Amino acid sequence: MLSALLALGILAALIGLVLGYAAIRFRVESDPVVDRIDALLPQTQCGQCTYAGCRPYAEAMAAGEADINQCPPGGETTIHALADLLGVDAKPLNPEHGEHSAKTVVIIDEQVCIGCTLCIQACPVDAILGAAKQMHTVISSECTGCDLCIPPCPVECIHVVPVEETLRNWLWPLPGEDTAGVKRHG
């Protein structure tokens, strides 16, 4: 029994050393410019910019493949911040990508919800909880207001509500904060 524990301990140590070496040797450095651009974006992951989310859009901007005026949720504030960061002239929001509007979140009318899970599958930030054939609900502090859950809903039980502006959220929240300005854990 003691030899089995000793063998497992030695094996665990060897695996730990190999994993530690691999983590250092094969570490992927991220581009600090992409990180800074991504931090300025509203993190709605809505796809209105024609990219799959805010990070791919940031990567495209850093590579010179996308313009700074493709983010309707960020609006003029984000465009000006991106222009300052990248040293380019600010320009108006490109209307092909949509219009800037007030910050919103969605709510689900739980009396009407049939539990089809289509909204859960459409939500890019996992802000909707529920199970098949059970009612669903939205975690409003996680909802980015992208509205991607609305089109797939067969019973139209998802409604858009404006986010009340406070001193903490009058701009898009900082990364790691929800719309109420509360630090997220994790």
N, C-alpha and C. Protein backbone atom coordinates (compact mmCIF):
# COMPACT_ATOMS: atom_id res chain seq x y z
N MET A 1 0.83 -1.18 0.00
CA MET A 1 0.00 0.00 0.00
C MET A 1 0.88 1.25 0.00
N LEU A 2 1.92 1.25 0.82
CA LEU A 2 2.81 2.39 0.90
C LEU A 2 3.55 2.58 -0.43
N SER A 3 3.95 1.49 -1.05
CA SER A 3 4.66 1.61 -2.34
C SER A 3 3.73 2.14 -3.44
N ALA A 4 2.46 1.79 -3.38
CA ALA A 4 1.50 2.29 -4.36
C ALA A 4 1.31 3.80 -4.20
N LEU A 5 1.23 4.27 -2.96
CA LEU A 5 1.10 5.71 -2.70
C LEU A 5 2.36 6.45 -3.13
N LEU A 6 3.50 5.87 -2.86
CA LEU A 6 4.77 6.47 -3.26
C LEU A 6 4.87 6.54 -4.79
N ALA A 7 4.47 5.51 -5.48
CA ALA A 7 4.50 5.49 -6.94
C ALA A 7 3.56 6.54 -7.51
N LEU A 8 2.36 6.65 -6.94
CA LEU A 8 1.41 7.66 -7.40
C LEU A 8 1.94 9.07 -7.13
N GLY A 9 2.57 9.27 -6.00
CA GLY A 9 3.15 10.58 -5.67
C GLY A 9 4.24 10.97 -6.65
N ILE A 10 5.12 10.02 -6.97
CA ILE A 10 6.20 10.29 -7.93
C ILE A 10 5.62 10.55 -9.32
N LEU A 11 4.65 9.77 -9.72
CA LEU A 11 3.99 9.98 -11.01
C LEU A 11 3.32 11.35 -11.09
N ALA A 12 2.65 11.76 -10.01
CA ALA A 12 2.00 13.07 -9.97
C ALA A 12 3.03 14.19 -10.07
N ALA A 13 4.16 14.04 -9.39
CA ALA A 13 5.22 15.05 -9.45
C ALA A 13 5.79 15.15 -10.86
N LEU A 14 6.02 14.01 -11.51
CA LEU A 14 6.54 14.03 -12.87
C LEU A 14 5.55 14.69 -13.85
N ILE A 15 4.31 14.35 -13.72
CA ILE A 15 3.29 14.96 -14.58
C ILE A 15 3.21 16.46 -14.32
N GLY A 16 3.30 16.86 -13.07
CA GLY A 16 3.31 18.29 -12.73
C GLY A 16 4.48 19.01 -13.35
N LEU A 17 5.66 18.40 -13.31
CA LEU A 17 6.84 19.01 -13.92
C LEU A 17 6.68 19.14 -15.44
N VAL A 18 6.16 18.11 -16.08
CA VAL A 18 5.94 18.16 -17.52
C VAL A 18 4.92 19.23 -17.88
N LEU A 19 3.84 19.31 -17.14
CA LEU A 19 2.83 20.33 -17.41
C LEU A 19 3.37 21.74 -17.16
N GLY A 20 4.16 21.90 -16.11
CA GLY A 20 4.77 23.20 -15.83
C GLY A 20 5.70 23.63 -16.94
N TYR A 21 6.53 22.71 -17.41
CA TYR A 21 7.44 23.00 -18.51
C TYR A 21 6.66 23.35 -19.78
N ALA A 22 5.61 22.59 -20.06
CA ALA A 22 4.81 22.84 -21.27
C ALA A 22 4.12 24.21 -21.19
N ALA A 23 3.66 24.59 -20.01
CA ALA A 23 2.99 25.88 -19.85
C ALA A 23 3.96 27.03 -20.13
N ILE A 24 5.20 26.87 -19.73
CA ILE A 24 6.20 27.92 -19.98
C ILE A 24 6.68 27.87 -21.43
N ARG A 25 6.98 26.71 -21.90
CA ARG A 25 7.55 26.54 -23.25
C ARG A 25 6.57 26.90 -24.35
N PHE A 26 5.30 26.57 -24.19
CA PHE A 26 4.31 26.77 -25.24
C PHE A 26 3.33 27.90 -24.93
N ARG A 27 3.71 28.82 -24.07
CA ARG A 27 2.85 29.93 -23.69
C ARG A 27 2.57 30.80 -24.92
N VAL A 28 1.33 31.23 -25.08
CA VAL A 28 0.94 32.08 -26.20
C VAL A 28 0.84 33.51 -25.67
N GLU A 29 1.65 34.36 -26.25
CA GLU A 29 1.61 35.78 -25.87
C GLU A 29 0.48 36.45 -26.64
N SER A 30 -0.36 37.21 -25.94
CA SER A 30 -1.40 37.94 -26.65
C SER A 30 -0.87 39.32 -27.00
N ASP A 31 -1.45 39.89 -28.02
CA ASP A 31 -1.04 41.21 -28.50
C ASP A 31 -1.60 42.27 -27.54
N PRO A 32 -0.74 43.10 -26.94
CA PRO A 32 -1.24 44.10 -25.99
C PRO A 32 -2.15 45.13 -26.65
N VAL A 33 -1.96 45.40 -27.94
CA VAL A 33 -2.84 46.35 -28.64
C VAL A 33 -4.24 45.75 -28.75
N VAL A 34 -4.32 44.48 -29.09
CA VAL A 34 -5.61 43.81 -29.18
C VAL A 34 -6.30 43.83 -27.81
N ASP A 35 -5.54 43.58 -26.75
CA ASP A 35 -6.12 43.60 -25.40
C ASP A 35 -6.67 44.99 -25.06
N ARG A 36 -5.95 46.03 -25.43
CA ARG A 36 -6.39 47.39 -25.13
C ARG A 36 -7.62 47.76 -25.96
N ILE A 37 -7.64 47.36 -27.22
CA ILE A 37 -8.81 47.62 -28.06
C ILE A 37 -10.02 46.87 -27.50
N ASP A 38 -9.83 45.60 -27.17
CA ASP A 38 -10.92 44.78 -26.63
C ASP A 38 -11.47 45.36 -25.33
N ALA A 39 -10.61 45.94 -24.52
CA ALA A 39 -11.05 46.54 -23.25
C ALA A 39 -11.95 47.75 -23.48
N LEU A 40 -11.81 48.41 -24.62
CA LEU A 40 -12.65 49.57 -24.92
C LEU A 40 -14.02 49.19 -25.48
N LEU A 41 -14.13 48.01 -26.02
CA LEU A 41 -15.39 47.58 -26.62
C LEU A 41 -16.40 47.18 -25.54
N PRO A 42 -17.70 47.29 -25.82
CA PRO A 42 -18.72 47.07 -24.78
C PRO A 42 -18.94 45.62 -24.36
N GLN A 43 -18.32 44.67 -25.05
CA GLN A 43 -18.43 43.24 -24.71
C GLN A 43 -19.86 42.71 -24.80
N THR A 44 -20.63 43.22 -25.76
CA THR A 44 -21.98 42.70 -25.95
C THR A 44 -21.97 41.40 -26.72
N GLN A 45 -20.92 41.13 -27.49
CA GLN A 45 -20.80 39.92 -28.31
C GLN A 45 -21.99 39.78 -29.26
N CYS A 46 -22.50 40.92 -29.73
CA CYS A 46 -23.73 40.93 -30.52
C CYS A 46 -23.54 40.60 -32.00
N GLY A 47 -22.33 40.79 -32.52
CA GLY A 47 -22.08 40.49 -33.92
C GLY A 47 -22.51 41.56 -34.89
N GLN A 48 -22.98 42.71 -34.42
CA GLN A 48 -23.43 43.77 -35.33
C GLN A 48 -22.28 44.33 -36.16
N CYS A 49 -21.06 44.16 -35.69
CA CYS A 49 -19.88 44.66 -36.41
C CYS A 49 -19.47 43.71 -37.53
N THR A 50 -20.16 42.64 -37.70
CA THR A 50 -19.93 41.55 -38.66
C THR A 50 -18.88 40.55 -38.18
N TYR A 51 -18.41 40.69 -36.96
CA TYR A 51 -17.47 39.73 -36.38
C TYR A 51 -18.20 38.94 -35.31
N ALA A 52 -17.67 37.78 -34.96
CA ALA A 52 -18.35 36.87 -34.03
C ALA A 52 -18.43 37.40 -32.61
N GLY A 53 -17.68 38.40 -32.29
CA GLY A 53 -17.70 38.97 -30.95
C GLY A 53 -16.73 40.13 -30.87
N CYS A 54 -16.58 40.68 -29.68
CA CYS A 54 -15.74 41.85 -29.49
C CYS A 54 -14.25 41.52 -29.70
N ARG A 55 -13.79 40.38 -29.23
CA ARG A 55 -12.37 40.03 -29.39
C ARG A 55 -11.98 39.87 -30.87
N PRO A 56 -12.75 39.13 -31.68
CA PRO A 56 -12.40 39.05 -33.11
C PRO A 56 -12.43 40.42 -33.80
N TYR A 57 -13.34 41.28 -33.39
CA TYR A 57 -13.39 42.63 -33.96
C TYR A 57 -12.14 43.41 -33.55
N ALA A 58 -11.72 43.27 -32.31
CA ALA A 58 -10.50 43.94 -31.84
C ALA A 58 -9.28 43.44 -32.61
N GLU A 59 -9.21 42.14 -32.84
CA GLU A 59 -8.09 41.57 -33.61
C GLU A 59 -8.09 42.11 -35.04
N ALA A 60 -9.27 42.24 -35.64
CA ALA A 60 -9.36 42.75 -37.01
C ALA A 60 -8.96 44.23 -37.06
N MET A 61 -9.34 45.01 -36.04
CA MET A 61 -8.93 46.41 -36.01
C MET A 61 -7.42 46.53 -35.87
N ALA A 62 -6.84 45.73 -34.99
CA ALA A 62 -5.39 45.77 -34.78
C ALA A 62 -4.64 45.39 -36.05
N ALA A 63 -5.20 44.50 -36.84
CA ALA A 63 -4.57 44.06 -38.09
C ALA A 63 -4.87 45.00 -39.25
N GLY A 64 -5.70 46.02 -39.01
CA GLY A 64 -6.04 46.96 -40.07
C GLY A 64 -7.10 46.44 -41.02
N GLU A 65 -7.81 45.38 -40.63
CA GLU A 65 -8.83 44.77 -41.49
C GLU A 65 -10.24 45.30 -41.23
N ALA A 66 -10.42 46.03 -40.13
CA ALA A 66 -11.74 46.55 -39.79
C ALA A 66 -11.60 48.01 -39.37
N ASP A 67 -12.67 48.76 -39.59
CA ASP A 67 -12.68 50.17 -39.23
C ASP A 67 -13.16 50.33 -37.79
N ILE A 68 -12.91 51.50 -37.21
CA ILE A 68 -13.25 51.74 -35.80
C ILE A 68 -14.72 52.08 -35.59
N ASN A 69 -15.48 52.24 -36.66
CA ASN A 69 -16.86 52.72 -36.52
C ASN A 69 -17.91 51.65 -36.82
N GLN A 70 -17.65 50.41 -36.43
CA GLN A 70 -18.58 49.32 -36.72
C GLN A 70 -19.32 48.80 -35.50
N CYS A 71 -19.25 49.48 -34.36
CA CYS A 71 -19.83 48.98 -33.11
C CYS A 71 -21.00 49.84 -32.65
N PRO A 72 -22.24 49.50 -33.05
CA PRO A 72 -23.39 50.28 -32.60
C PRO A 72 -23.57 50.31 -31.07
N PRO A 73 -23.38 49.21 -30.33
CA PRO A 73 -23.57 49.31 -28.89
C PRO A 73 -22.60 50.28 -28.22
N GLY A 74 -21.39 50.39 -28.75
CA GLY A 74 -20.41 51.31 -28.17
C GLY A 74 -20.67 52.76 -28.52
N GLY A 75 -21.22 52.98 -29.71
CA GLY A 75 -21.57 54.32 -30.12
C GLY A 75 -20.37 55.24 -30.29
N GLU A 76 -20.66 56.54 -30.27
CA GLU A 76 -19.63 57.56 -30.49
C GLU A 76 -18.55 57.54 -29.41
N THR A 77 -18.93 57.23 -28.19
CA THR A 77 -17.96 57.21 -27.10
C THR A 77 -16.86 56.18 -27.38
N THR A 78 -17.25 55.00 -27.79
CA THR A 78 -16.28 53.95 -28.10
C THR A 78 -15.46 54.32 -29.34
N ILE A 79 -16.10 54.89 -30.34
CA ILE A 79 -15.38 55.29 -31.55
C ILE A 79 -14.29 56.31 -31.21
N HIS A 80 -14.62 57.30 -30.38
CA HIS A 80 -13.62 58.30 -30.00
C HIS A 80 -12.49 57.68 -29.18
N ALA A 81 -12.83 56.77 -28.28
CA ALA A 81 -11.79 56.11 -27.48
C ALA A 81 -10.88 55.27 -28.37
N LEU A 82 -11.46 54.56 -29.33
CA LEU A 82 -10.65 53.77 -30.26
C LEU A 82 -9.77 54.66 -31.13
N ALA A 83 -10.31 55.77 -31.57
CA ALA A 83 -9.53 56.70 -32.40
C ALA A 83 -8.34 57.24 -31.61
N ASP A 84 -8.56 57.59 -30.35
CA ASP A 84 -7.46 58.06 -29.50
C ASP A 84 -6.41 56.99 -29.31
N LEU A 85 -6.84 55.78 -29.05
CA LEU A 85 -5.91 54.68 -28.82
C LEU A 85 -5.09 54.36 -30.07
N LEU A 86 -5.75 54.32 -31.22
CA LEU A 86 -5.08 53.91 -32.44
C LEU A 86 -4.45 55.07 -33.22
N GLY A 87 -4.67 56.31 -32.76
CA GLY A 87 -4.07 57.46 -33.41
C GLY A 87 -4.66 57.74 -34.78
N VAL A 88 -5.96 57.51 -34.93
CA VAL A 88 -6.64 57.80 -36.20
C VAL A 88 -7.76 58.79 -35.93
N ASP A 89 -8.31 59.35 -36.99
CA ASP A 89 -9.41 60.30 -36.85
C ASP A 89 -10.70 59.56 -36.54
N ALA A 90 -11.48 60.14 -35.64
CA ALA A 90 -12.80 59.58 -35.33
C ALA A 90 -13.72 59.84 -36.51
N LYS A 91 -14.67 58.94 -36.70
CA LYS A 91 -15.64 59.09 -37.77
C LYS A 91 -17.00 58.65 -37.24
N PRO A 92 -18.07 59.05 -37.88
CA PRO A 92 -19.40 58.66 -37.39
C PRO A 92 -19.62 57.15 -37.52
N LEU A 93 -20.54 56.67 -36.71
CA LEU A 93 -20.91 55.26 -36.74
C LEU A 93 -21.40 54.88 -38.13
N ASN A 94 -20.91 53.77 -38.64
CA ASN A 94 -21.31 53.28 -39.95
C ASN A 94 -22.76 52.77 -39.85
N PRO A 95 -23.71 53.39 -40.57
CA PRO A 95 -25.12 52.98 -40.45
C PRO A 95 -25.40 51.57 -40.97
N GLU A 96 -24.48 50.99 -41.74
CA GLU A 96 -24.68 49.61 -42.21
C GLU A 96 -24.70 48.61 -41.06
N HIS A 97 -24.13 48.99 -39.94
CA HIS A 97 -24.02 48.06 -38.81
C HIS A 97 -25.11 48.31 -37.76
N GLY A 98 -25.91 49.33 -37.93
CA GLY A 98 -26.98 49.61 -36.99
C GLY A 98 -26.83 51.00 -36.40
N GLU A 99 -27.72 51.30 -35.47
CA GLU A 99 -27.73 52.59 -34.81
C GLU A 99 -27.45 52.41 -33.33
N HIS A 100 -26.80 53.40 -32.75
CA HIS A 100 -26.55 53.36 -31.31
C HIS A 100 -27.87 53.61 -30.58
N SER A 101 -28.12 52.87 -29.54
CA SER A 101 -29.33 53.07 -28.75
C SER A 101 -28.99 52.98 -27.28
N ALA A 102 -29.95 53.31 -26.45
CA ALA A 102 -29.74 53.25 -25.01
C ALA A 102 -29.44 51.81 -24.59
N LYS A 103 -28.71 51.66 -23.51
CA LYS A 103 -28.38 50.32 -23.01
C LYS A 103 -29.65 49.61 -22.55
N THR A 104 -29.73 48.34 -22.91
CA THR A 104 -30.91 47.55 -22.55
C THR A 104 -30.48 46.17 -22.06
N VAL A 105 -31.40 45.49 -21.44
CA VAL A 105 -31.27 44.07 -21.12
C VAL A 105 -32.60 43.43 -21.52
N VAL A 106 -32.65 42.12 -21.51
CA VAL A 106 -33.91 41.46 -21.82
C VAL A 106 -34.46 40.79 -20.57
N ILE A 107 -35.75 40.62 -20.56
CA ILE A 107 -36.42 39.84 -19.52
C ILE A 107 -37.30 38.81 -20.21
N ILE A 108 -37.55 37.73 -19.53
CA ILE A 108 -38.41 36.68 -20.08
C ILE A 108 -39.70 36.65 -19.28
N ASP A 109 -40.83 36.70 -19.98
CA ASP A 109 -42.13 36.54 -19.34
C ASP A 109 -42.25 35.06 -19.00
N GLU A 110 -42.00 34.72 -17.78
CA GLU A 110 -41.92 33.32 -17.36
C GLU A 110 -43.26 32.60 -17.43
N GLN A 111 -44.36 33.34 -17.47
CA GLN A 111 -45.68 32.72 -17.60
C GLN A 111 -45.92 32.22 -19.02
N VAL A 112 -45.24 32.84 -19.99
CA VAL A 112 -45.44 32.50 -21.40
C VAL A 112 -44.37 31.53 -21.90
N CYS A 113 -43.22 31.53 -21.25
CA CYS A 113 -42.09 30.70 -21.69
C CYS A 113 -42.46 29.22 -21.72
N ILE A 114 -42.11 28.55 -22.84
CA ILE A 114 -42.43 27.13 -22.98
C ILE A 114 -41.21 26.23 -22.74
N GLY A 115 -40.05 26.84 -22.47
CA GLY A 115 -38.86 26.05 -22.18
C GLY A 115 -38.23 25.39 -23.38
N CYS A 116 -38.25 26.07 -24.53
CA CYS A 116 -37.73 25.45 -25.75
C CYS A 116 -36.20 25.47 -25.82
N THR A 117 -35.53 26.26 -25.03
CA THR A 117 -34.07 26.44 -24.93
C THR A 117 -33.45 27.14 -26.13
N LEU A 118 -34.23 27.63 -27.08
CA LEU A 118 -33.65 28.33 -28.23
C LEU A 118 -32.96 29.62 -27.81
N CYS A 119 -33.49 30.30 -26.79
CA CYS A 119 -32.86 31.54 -26.32
C CYS A 119 -31.53 31.23 -25.63
N ILE A 120 -31.47 30.13 -24.91
CA ILE A 120 -30.23 29.74 -24.23
C ILE A 120 -29.14 29.48 -25.28
N GLN A 121 -29.50 28.80 -26.34
CA GLN A 121 -28.54 28.49 -27.40
C GLN A 121 -28.08 29.74 -28.13
N ALA A 122 -28.92 30.76 -28.21
CA ALA A 122 -28.57 31.99 -28.94
C ALA A 122 -27.78 32.98 -28.10
N CYS A 123 -27.82 32.87 -26.79
CA CYS A 123 -27.17 33.84 -25.91
C CYS A 123 -25.65 33.65 -25.93
N PRO A 124 -24.90 34.67 -26.39
CA PRO A 124 -23.44 34.52 -26.49
C PRO A 124 -22.71 34.63 -25.16
N VAL A 125 -23.39 35.09 -24.12
CA VAL A 125 -22.72 35.28 -22.83
C VAL A 125 -23.31 34.43 -21.70
N ASP A 126 -24.12 33.45 -22.06
CA ASP A 126 -24.73 32.54 -21.07
C ASP A 126 -25.47 33.28 -19.95
N ALA A 127 -26.27 34.28 -20.32
CA ALA A 127 -27.00 35.05 -19.33
C ALA A 127 -28.41 34.51 -19.09
N ILE A 128 -28.77 33.40 -19.75
CA ILE A 128 -30.11 32.84 -19.61
C ILE A 128 -30.00 31.48 -18.94
N LEU A 129 -30.82 31.29 -17.90
CA LEU A 129 -30.87 30.02 -17.18
C LEU A 129 -32.18 29.33 -17.44
N GLY A 130 -32.14 28.01 -17.49
CA GLY A 130 -33.35 27.24 -17.66
C GLY A 130 -33.02 25.85 -18.15
N ALA A 131 -34.02 25.05 -18.27
CA ALA A 131 -33.86 23.68 -18.75
C ALA A 131 -34.98 23.39 -19.73
N ALA A 132 -34.81 22.35 -20.52
CA ALA A 132 -35.82 21.99 -21.50
C ALA A 132 -37.17 21.77 -20.83
N LYS A 133 -38.19 22.34 -21.42
CA LYS A 133 -39.58 22.24 -20.94
C LYS A 133 -39.78 22.84 -19.55
N GLN A 134 -38.87 23.72 -19.15
CA GLN A 134 -38.99 24.46 -17.90
C GLN A 134 -38.88 25.94 -18.25
N MET A 135 -39.38 26.79 -17.36
CA MET A 135 -39.28 28.22 -17.66
C MET A 135 -37.83 28.67 -17.60
N HIS A 136 -37.54 29.75 -18.31
CA HIS A 136 -36.21 30.32 -18.35
C HIS A 136 -36.23 31.70 -17.70
N THR A 137 -35.07 32.15 -17.29
CA THR A 137 -34.94 33.49 -16.73
C THR A 137 -33.61 34.08 -17.15
N VAL A 138 -33.52 35.39 -17.11
CA VAL A 138 -32.32 36.10 -17.52
C VAL A 138 -31.60 36.61 -16.27
N ILE A 139 -30.29 36.40 -16.25
CA ILE A 139 -29.46 36.99 -15.20
C ILE A 139 -29.14 38.40 -15.70
N SER A 140 -29.87 39.39 -15.22
CA SER A 140 -29.78 40.73 -15.80
C SER A 140 -28.39 41.34 -15.64
N SER A 141 -27.66 40.97 -14.60
CA SER A 141 -26.31 41.52 -14.43
C SER A 141 -25.34 40.95 -15.45
N GLU A 142 -25.68 39.82 -16.10
CA GLU A 142 -24.83 39.22 -17.13
C GLU A 142 -25.29 39.55 -18.54
N CYS A 143 -26.54 39.99 -18.69
CA CYS A 143 -27.10 40.29 -20.01
C CYS A 143 -26.43 41.53 -20.58
N THR A 144 -25.98 41.43 -21.83
CA THR A 144 -25.31 42.55 -22.49
C THR A 144 -26.25 43.35 -23.39
N GLY A 145 -27.48 42.91 -23.53
CA GLY A 145 -28.43 43.63 -24.36
C GLY A 145 -28.22 43.45 -25.85
N CYS A 146 -27.63 42.34 -26.25
CA CYS A 146 -27.36 42.11 -27.68
C CYS A 146 -28.63 41.74 -28.44
N ASP A 147 -29.66 41.30 -27.76
CA ASP A 147 -30.96 40.93 -28.33
C ASP A 147 -30.91 39.73 -29.27
N LEU A 148 -29.85 38.95 -29.25
CA LEU A 148 -29.76 37.78 -30.13
C LEU A 148 -30.71 36.67 -29.72
N CYS A 149 -31.24 36.73 -28.51
CA CYS A 149 -32.16 35.69 -28.04
C CYS A 149 -33.60 35.94 -28.51
N ILE A 150 -33.90 37.13 -28.98
CA ILE A 150 -35.27 37.46 -29.34
C ILE A 150 -35.75 36.76 -30.62
N PRO A 151 -35.01 36.80 -31.72
CA PRO A 151 -35.53 36.18 -32.96
C PRO A 151 -35.85 34.68 -32.85
N PRO A 152 -35.05 33.87 -32.14
CA PRO A 152 -35.39 32.44 -32.13
C PRO A 152 -36.57 32.07 -31.23
N CYS A 153 -37.05 32.99 -30.39
CA CYS A 153 -38.13 32.66 -29.46
C CYS A 153 -39.44 32.46 -30.21
N PRO A 154 -40.02 31.26 -30.15
CA PRO A 154 -41.25 30.99 -30.90
C PRO A 154 -42.52 31.58 -30.28
N VAL A 155 -42.47 31.95 -29.00
CA VAL A 155 -43.68 32.45 -28.34
C VAL A 155 -43.58 33.93 -27.97
N GLU A 156 -42.51 34.59 -28.40
CA GLU A 156 -42.32 36.02 -28.16
C GLU A 156 -42.48 36.40 -26.69
N CYS A 157 -41.80 35.65 -25.82
CA CYS A 157 -41.88 35.93 -24.39
C CYS A 157 -40.69 36.73 -23.89
N ILE A 158 -39.79 37.14 -24.78
CA ILE A 158 -38.60 37.90 -24.39
C ILE A 158 -38.82 39.37 -24.73
N HIS A 159 -38.61 40.23 -23.74
CA HIS A 159 -38.88 41.66 -23.92
C HIS A 159 -37.64 42.47 -23.56
N VAL A 160 -37.44 43.55 -24.27
CA VAL A 160 -36.31 44.45 -24.04
C VAL A 160 -36.73 45.52 -23.04
N VAL A 161 -35.89 45.75 -22.05
CA VAL A 161 -36.12 46.81 -21.08
C VAL A 161 -34.86 47.67 -20.98
N PRO A 162 -35.03 48.97 -20.82
CA PRO A 162 -33.86 49.84 -20.71
C PRO A 162 -33.16 49.65 -19.36
N VAL A 163 -31.85 49.87 -19.37
CA VAL A 163 -31.08 49.82 -18.13
C VAL A 163 -31.11 51.22 -17.54
N GLU A 164 -31.48 51.32 -16.29
CA GLU A 164 -31.51 52.62 -15.62
C GLU A 164 -30.09 53.15 -15.50
N GLU A 165 -29.86 54.38 -16.00
CA GLU A 165 -28.53 54.96 -15.93
C GLU A 165 -28.25 55.48 -14.53
N THR A 166 -27.06 55.15 -14.06
CA THR A 166 -26.58 55.65 -12.77
C THR A 166 -25.21 56.26 -13.01
N LEU A 167 -24.63 56.84 -11.98
CA LEU A 167 -23.29 57.39 -12.14
C LEU A 167 -22.28 56.30 -12.45
N ARG A 168 -22.51 55.09 -12.01
CA ARG A 168 -21.57 53.99 -12.24
C ARG A 168 -21.67 53.39 -13.63
N ASN A 169 -22.81 53.51 -14.30
CA ASN A 169 -22.95 52.83 -15.59
C ASN A 169 -23.32 53.75 -16.74
N TRP A 170 -23.11 55.05 -16.63
CA TRP A 170 -23.49 55.94 -17.72
C TRP A 170 -22.66 55.72 -18.96
N LEU A 171 -21.48 55.17 -18.83
CA LEU A 171 -20.73 54.63 -19.95
C LEU A 171 -20.83 53.12 -19.87
N TRP A 172 -20.37 52.41 -20.91
CA TRP A 172 -20.37 50.96 -20.80
C TRP A 172 -19.51 50.58 -19.61
N PRO A 173 -19.90 49.55 -18.87
CA PRO A 173 -19.13 49.17 -17.69
C PRO A 173 -17.71 48.77 -18.04
N LEU A 174 -16.85 48.95 -17.07
CA LEU A 174 -15.47 48.51 -17.25
C LEU A 174 -15.43 47.00 -17.34
N PRO A 175 -14.41 46.43 -18.01
CA PRO A 175 -14.31 44.97 -18.05
C PRO A 175 -14.29 44.41 -16.64
N GLY A 176 -15.07 43.37 -16.40
CA GLY A 176 -15.15 42.77 -15.08
C GLY A 176 -16.24 43.37 -14.22
N GLU A 177 -16.99 44.38 -14.75
CA GLU A 177 -18.09 44.95 -14.00
C GLU A 177 -19.39 44.68 -14.75
N ASP A 178 -20.46 44.51 -14.00
CA ASP A 178 -21.74 44.36 -14.67
C ASP A 178 -22.37 45.74 -14.84
N THR A 179 -23.57 45.80 -15.36
CA THR A 179 -24.19 47.09 -15.67
C THR A 179 -24.54 47.88 -14.42
N ALA A 180 -24.50 47.26 -13.25
CA ALA A 180 -24.74 48.00 -12.01
C ALA A 180 -23.44 48.49 -11.42
N GLY A 181 -22.31 48.21 -12.06
CA GLY A 181 -21.02 48.67 -11.56
C GLY A 181 -20.44 47.78 -10.48
N VAL A 182 -20.98 46.59 -10.33
CA VAL A 182 -20.52 45.67 -9.29
C VAL A 182 -19.44 44.77 -9.88
N LYS A 183 -18.35 44.59 -9.16
CA LYS A 183 -17.28 43.73 -9.64
C LYS A 183 -17.78 42.29 -9.74
N ARG A 184 -17.46 41.66 -10.87
CA ARG A 184 -17.80 40.25 -11.05
C ARG A 184 -16.70 39.38 -10.48
N HIS A 185 -17.09 38.27 -9.95
CA HIS A 185 -16.10 37.31 -9.45
C HIS A 185 -15.79 36.33 -10.56
N GLY A 186 -14.52 35.91 -10.63
CA GLY A 186 -14.19 34.86 -11.59
C GLY A 186 -13.37 35.28 -12.73
